[in-house]
């Protein structure tokens, strides 16, 4: 099985100048296959269509959670409405300010094992799929890889029981 057989064809993406408010809305309403059910990350493409980053839900959470808070015991510092206040402050930031710039990708002809290898070794749950011209053509999600593996497990179990 190849990446192109499991990937979700790219129909939504972000631009570096998109605000986090717009990006959050796109993540919540993006196409996943034929449905608009939202996704956990979208690739960021420049005006020429080249991949320059990826923005995930985690990146947005990090933008709302200031780095200096890592050093504090929030039990003594946090207040009701704190997240909302930080979210409002981060809303106008651009995607380019918070996106992940080093993006793990796979070729559309990569085998399923190659895809798993990239995902596990890099600690990512979704990877953009690139064609031979280095353009993003889809996204491969951990869930889809998992379903392919479990389908193989189930079909193997069924054959052994016969």
C-alpha atoms as a PDB file:
ATOM      1  CA  UNK A   1       0.000   0.000   0.000  1.00  0.00           C
ATOM      2  CA  UNK A   2       1.245   3.484  -0.878  1.00  0.00           C
ATOM      3  CA  UNK A   3       0.724   6.890   0.735  1.00  0.00           C
ATOM      4  CA  UNK A   4      -1.398   8.061  -2.209  1.00  0.00           C
ATOM      5  CA  UNK A   5      -3.871   5.244  -1.529  1.00  0.00           C
ATOM      6  CA  UNK A   6      -4.417   6.314   2.092  1.00  0.00           C
ATOM      7  CA  UNK A   7      -4.009  10.083   1.918  1.00  0.00           C
ATOM      8  CA  UNK A   8      -6.829  12.571   2.067  1.00  0.00           C
ATOM      9  CA  UNK A   9      -6.628  14.761  -1.032  1.00  0.00           C
ATOM     10  CA  UNK A  10      -5.684  18.321  -0.157  1.00  0.00           C
ATOM     11  CA  UNK A  11      -8.531  20.773  -0.526  1.00  0.00           C
ATOM     12  CA  UNK A  12      -7.824  23.161   2.356  1.00  0.00           C
ATOM     13  CA  UNK A  13      -4.580  24.866   3.322  1.00  0.00           C
ATOM     14  CA  UNK A  14      -3.357  27.970   5.087  1.00  0.00           C
ATOM     15  CA  UNK A  15      -1.210  30.922   4.028  1.00  0.00           C
ATOM     16  CA  UNK A  16       1.552  32.361   6.258  1.00  0.00           C
ATOM     17  CA  UNK A  17      -0.311  35.673   6.573  1.00  0.00           C
ATOM     18  CA  UNK A  18      -3.580  34.063   7.737  1.00  0.00           C
ATOM     19  CA  UNK A  19      -4.539  35.121  11.277  1.00  0.00           C
ATOM     20  CA  UNK A  20      -4.915  32.534  14.014  1.00  0.00           C
ATOM     21  CA  UNK A  21      -8.615  33.370  14.232  1.00  0.00           C
ATOM     22  CA  UNK A  22      -9.063  32.502  10.543  1.00  0.00           C
ATOM     23  CA  UNK A  23      -6.805  29.462  10.881  1.00  0.00           C
ATOM     24  CA  UNK A  24      -8.742  28.120  13.875  1.00  0.00           C
ATOM     25  CA  UNK A  25     -11.978  28.464  11.913  1.00  0.00           C
ATOM     26  CA  UNK A  26     -10.441  26.627   8.946  1.00  0.00           C
ATOM     27  CA  UNK A  27      -9.185  23.796  11.176  1.00  0.00           C
ATOM     28  CA  UNK A  28     -12.684  23.433  12.646  1.00  0.00           C
ATOM     29  CA  UNK A  29     -14.423  23.393   9.242  1.00  0.00           C
ATOM     30  CA  UNK A  30     -11.864  21.884   6.842  1.00  0.00           C
ATOM     31  CA  UNK A  31     -12.767  19.113   4.451  1.00  0.00           C
ATOM     32  CA  UNK A  32     -11.720  15.611   5.358  1.00  0.00           C
ATOM     33  CA  UNK A  33     -12.615  13.619   2.315  1.00  0.00           C
ATOM     34  CA  UNK A  34     -16.151  14.543   1.274  1.00  0.00           C
ATOM     35  CA  UNK A  35     -17.203  15.922   4.667  1.00  0.00           C
ATOM     36  CA  UNK A  36     -16.498  19.184   6.463  1.00  0.00           C
ATOM     37  CA  UNK A  37     -15.629  17.692   9.831  1.00  0.00           C
ATOM     38  CA  UNK A  38     -12.452  19.587  10.583  1.00  0.00           C
ATOM     39  CA  UNK A  39      -8.858  18.465  10.881  1.00  0.00           C
ATOM     40  CA  UNK A  40      -6.116  18.686  13.487  1.00  0.00           C
ATOM     41  CA  UNK A  41      -3.556  20.320  11.175  1.00  0.00           C
ATOM     42  CA  UNK A  42      -3.271  21.993   7.805  1.00  0.00           C
ATOM     43  CA  UNK A  43      -0.257  22.618   5.593  1.00  0.00           C
ATOM     44  CA  UNK A  44       0.893  26.195   5.119  1.00  0.00           C
ATOM     45  CA  UNK A  45       1.646  27.093   1.496  1.00  0.00           C
ATOM     46  CA  UNK A  46       3.256  30.256   0.159  1.00  0.00           C
ATOM     47  CA  UNK A  47       1.846  32.196  -2.813  1.00  0.00           C
ATOM     48  CA  UNK A  48       3.651  29.884  -5.242  1.00  0.00           C
ATOM     49  CA  UNK A  49       2.073  26.834  -3.603  1.00  0.00           C
ATOM     50  CA  UNK A  50       5.260  25.604  -1.905  1.00  0.00           C
ATOM     51  CA  UNK A  51       5.086  24.037   1.543  1.00  0.00           C
ATOM     52  CA  UNK A  52       6.537  26.416   4.157  1.00  0.00           C
ATOM     53  CA  UNK A  53       5.098  24.904   7.343  1.00  0.00           C
ATOM     54  CA  UNK A  54       2.237  23.159   9.051  1.00  0.00           C
ATOM     55  CA  UNK A  55      -0.164  24.518  11.648  1.00  0.00           C
ATOM     56  CA  UNK A  56      -1.681  22.145  14.170  1.00  0.00           C
ATOM     57  CA  UNK A  57      -4.074  22.471  17.050  1.00  0.00           C
ATOM     58  CA  UNK A  58      -1.024  22.086  19.284  1.00  0.00           C
ATOM     59  CA  UNK A  59       0.649  25.103  17.660  1.00  0.00           C
ATOM     60  CA  UNK A  60      -2.414  27.212  18.442  1.00  0.00           C
ATOM     61  CA  UNK A  61      -2.473  25.975  22.044  1.00  0.00           C
ATOM     62  CA  UNK A  62       1.203  26.946  22.389  1.00  0.00           C
ATOM     63  CA  UNK A  63       0.408  30.415  21.012  1.00  0.00           C
ATOM     64  CA  UNK A  64      -2.218  30.875  23.722  1.00  0.00           C
ATOM     65  CA  UNK A  65      -0.003  29.472  26.492  1.00  0.00           C
ATOM     66  CA  UNK A  66       2.932  31.861  27.023  1.00  0.00           C
ATOM     67  CA  UNK A  67       6.339  30.155  27.462  1.00  0.00           C
ATOM     68  CA  UNK A  68       6.988  31.813  30.830  1.00  0.00           C
ATOM     69  CA  UNK A  69       4.061  29.876  32.321  1.00  0.00           C
ATOM     70  CA  UNK A  70       6.089  26.666  32.039  1.00  0.00           C
ATOM     71  CA  UNK A  71       8.200  27.984  34.912  1.00  0.00           C
ATOM     72  CA  UNK A  72       5.290  28.620  37.267  1.00  0.00           C
ATOM     73  CA  UNK A  73       2.950  26.604  39.411  1.00  0.00           C
ATOM     74  CA  UNK A  74      -0.326  27.613  37.801  1.00  0.00           C
ATOM     75  CA  UNK A  75      -2.332  26.553  40.830  1.00  0.00           C
ATOM     76  CA  UNK A  76      -1.168  29.710  42.561  1.00  0.00           C
ATOM     77  CA  UNK A  77      -1.152  31.946  39.514  1.00  0.00           C
ATOM     78  CA  UNK A  78      -4.087  31.078  37.235  1.00  0.00           C
ATOM     79  CA  UNK A  79      -7.337  32.997  37.254  1.00  0.00           C
ATOM     80  CA  UNK A  80     -10.764  32.288  35.810  1.00  0.00           C
ATOM     81  CA  UNK A  81     -10.828  33.592  32.246  1.00  0.00           C
ATOM     82  CA  UNK A  82      -7.050  33.412  31.854  1.00  0.00           C
ATOM     83  CA  UNK A  83      -7.173  31.243  28.718  1.00  0.00           C
ATOM     84  CA  UNK A  84      -9.783  33.475  27.135  1.00  0.00           C
ATOM     85  CA  UNK A  85      -7.629  36.563  27.770  1.00  0.00           C
ATOM     86  CA  UNK A  86      -4.556  34.935  26.232  1.00  0.00           C
ATOM     87  CA  UNK A  87      -6.635  33.634  23.293  1.00  0.00           C
ATOM     88  CA  UNK A  88      -7.876  37.132  22.494  1.00  0.00           C
ATOM     89  CA  UNK A  89      -4.303  38.396  22.582  1.00  0.00           C
ATOM     90  CA  UNK A  90      -3.114  35.618  20.219  1.00  0.00           C
ATOM     91  CA  UNK A  91      -6.069  35.921  17.805  1.00  0.00           C
ATOM     92  CA  UNK A  92      -4.437  38.455  15.487  1.00  0.00           C
ATOM     93  CA  UNK A  93      -1.092  36.672  15.255  1.00  0.00           C
ATOM     94  CA  UNK A  94      -0.229  35.342  11.839  1.00  0.00           C
ATOM     95  CA  UNK A  95       0.157  31.638  11.095  1.00  0.00           C
ATOM     96  CA  UNK A  96       3.807  32.279  10.159  1.00  0.00           C
ATOM     97  CA  UNK A  97       4.501  33.317  13.770  1.00  0.00           C
ATOM     98  CA  UNK A  98       3.415  30.023  15.333  1.00  0.00           C
ATOM     99  CA  UNK A  99       3.491  27.335  12.618  1.00  0.00           C
ATOM    100  CA  UNK A 100       5.926  24.431  12.690  1.00  0.00           C
ATOM    101  CA  UNK A 101       8.516  25.191  10.030  1.00  0.00           C
ATOM    102  CA  UNK A 102      10.311  21.856   9.898  1.00  0.00           C
ATOM    103  CA  UNK A 103       7.730  19.597   8.302  1.00  0.00           C
ATOM    104  CA  UNK A 104       8.020  15.843   7.952  1.00  0.00           C
ATOM    105  CA  UNK A 105       6.659  14.819   4.540  1.00  0.00           C
ATOM    106  CA  UNK A 106       6.289  11.627   2.539  1.00  0.00           C
ATOM    107  CA  UNK A 107       6.258  11.020  -1.181  1.00  0.00           C
ATOM    108  CA  UNK A 108       2.981   9.842  -2.677  1.00  0.00           C
ATOM    109  CA  UNK A 109       4.675   6.600  -3.726  1.00  0.00           C
ATOM    110  CA  UNK A 110       6.068   5.931  -0.220  1.00  0.00           C
ATOM    111  CA  UNK A 111       5.149   2.537   1.188  1.00  0.00           C
ATOM    112  CA  UNK A 112       2.987   2.235   4.257  1.00  0.00           C
ATOM    113  CA  UNK A 113       6.032   1.083   6.251  1.00  0.00           C
ATOM    114  CA  UNK A 114       7.987   4.193   5.189  1.00  0.00           C
ATOM    115  CA  UNK A 115       5.083   6.372   6.312  1.00  0.00           C
ATOM    116  CA  UNK A 116       4.894   4.662   9.692  1.00  0.00           C
ATOM    117  CA  UNK A 117       8.670   4.989  10.059  1.00  0.00           C
ATOM    118  CA  UNK A 118       8.546   8.751   9.410  1.00  0.00           C
ATOM    119  CA  UNK A 119       5.601   9.264  11.748  1.00  0.00           C
ATOM    120  CA  UNK A 120       7.029   7.274  14.651  1.00  0.00           C
ATOM    121  CA  UNK A 121      10.609   8.515  14.411  1.00  0.00           C
ATOM    122  CA  UNK A 122       9.474  12.138  14.106  1.00  0.00           C
ATOM    123  CA  UNK A 123       6.666  11.936  16.652  1.00  0.00           C
ATOM    124  CA  UNK A 124       4.071  13.341  14.249  1.00  0.00           C
ATOM    125  CA  UNK A 125       0.509  12.182  13.682  1.00  0.00           C
ATOM    126  CA  UNK A 126      -0.041  13.659  10.233  1.00  0.00           C
ATOM    127  CA  UNK A 127       2.221  14.274   7.278  1.00  0.00           C
ATOM    128  CA  UNK A 128       1.788  16.162   4.016  1.00  0.00           C
ATOM    129  CA  UNK A 129       2.072  13.941   0.946  1.00  0.00           C
ATOM    130  CA  UNK A 130       4.203  15.329  -1.885  1.00  0.00           C
ATOM    131  CA  UNK A 131       4.088  14.508  -5.591  1.00  0.00           C
ATOM    132  CA  UNK A 132       7.126  14.181  -7.881  1.00  0.00           C
ATOM    133  CA  UNK A 133       7.086  17.965  -8.465  1.00  0.00           C
ATOM    134  CA  UNK A 134       7.380  18.594  -4.692  1.00  0.00           C
ATOM    135  CA  UNK A 135       3.845  19.957  -4.445  1.00  0.00           C
ATOM    136  CA  UNK A 136       1.548  18.985  -1.574  1.00  0.00           C
ATOM    137  CA  UNK A 137      -1.226  16.751  -2.897  1.00  0.00           C
ATOM    138  CA  UNK A 138      -2.704  15.410   0.317  1.00  0.00           C
ATOM    139  CA  UNK A 139      -2.390  14.647   3.995  1.00  0.00           C
ATOM    140  CA  UNK A 140      -1.771  11.285   5.589  1.00  0.00           C
ATOM    141  CA  UNK A 141      -3.279  10.933   9.040  1.00  0.00           C
ATOM    142  CA  UNK A 142      -2.275   8.530  11.808  1.00  0.00           C
ATOM    143  CA  UNK A 143      -5.884   7.369  12.073  1.00  0.00           C
ATOM    144  CA  UNK A 144      -5.962   6.258   8.429  1.00  0.00           C
ATOM    145  CA  UNK A 145      -2.675   4.371   8.826  1.00  0.00           C
ATOM    146  CA  UNK A 146      -4.076   2.722  11.964  1.00  0.00           C
ATOM    147  CA  UNK A 147      -7.252   1.666  10.120  1.00  0.00           C
ATOM    148  CA  UNK A 148      -5.182   0.148   7.293  1.00  0.00           C
ATOM    149  CA  UNK A 149      -3.150  -1.833   9.813  1.00  0.00           C
ATOM    150  CA  UNK A 150      -6.197  -3.049  11.736  1.00  0.00           C
ATOM    151  CA  UNK A 151      -7.878  -4.020   8.470  1.00  0.00           C
ATOM    152  CA  UNK A 152      -4.869  -6.208   7.706  1.00  0.00           C
ATOM    153  CA  UNK A 153      -5.038  -7.692  11.217  1.00  0.00           C
ATOM    154  CA  UNK A 154      -8.721  -8.486  10.923  1.00  0.00           C
ATOM    155  CA  UNK A 155      -8.403 -10.043   7.473  1.00  0.00           C
ATOM    156  CA  UNK A 156      -5.449 -12.159   8.698  1.00  0.00           C
ATOM    157  CA  UNK A 157      -7.463 -13.349  11.727  1.00  0.00           C
ATOM    158  CA  UNK A 158     -10.396 -14.249   9.484  1.00  0.00           C
ATOM    159  CA  UNK A 159      -8.131 -16.296   7.160  1.00  0.00           C
ATOM    160  CA  UNK A 160      -6.539 -18.144  10.111  1.00  0.00           C
ATOM    161  CA  UNK A 161      -9.979 -19.088  11.498  1.00  0.00           C
ATOM    162  CA  UNK A 162     -11.097 -20.553   8.152  1.00  0.00           C
END
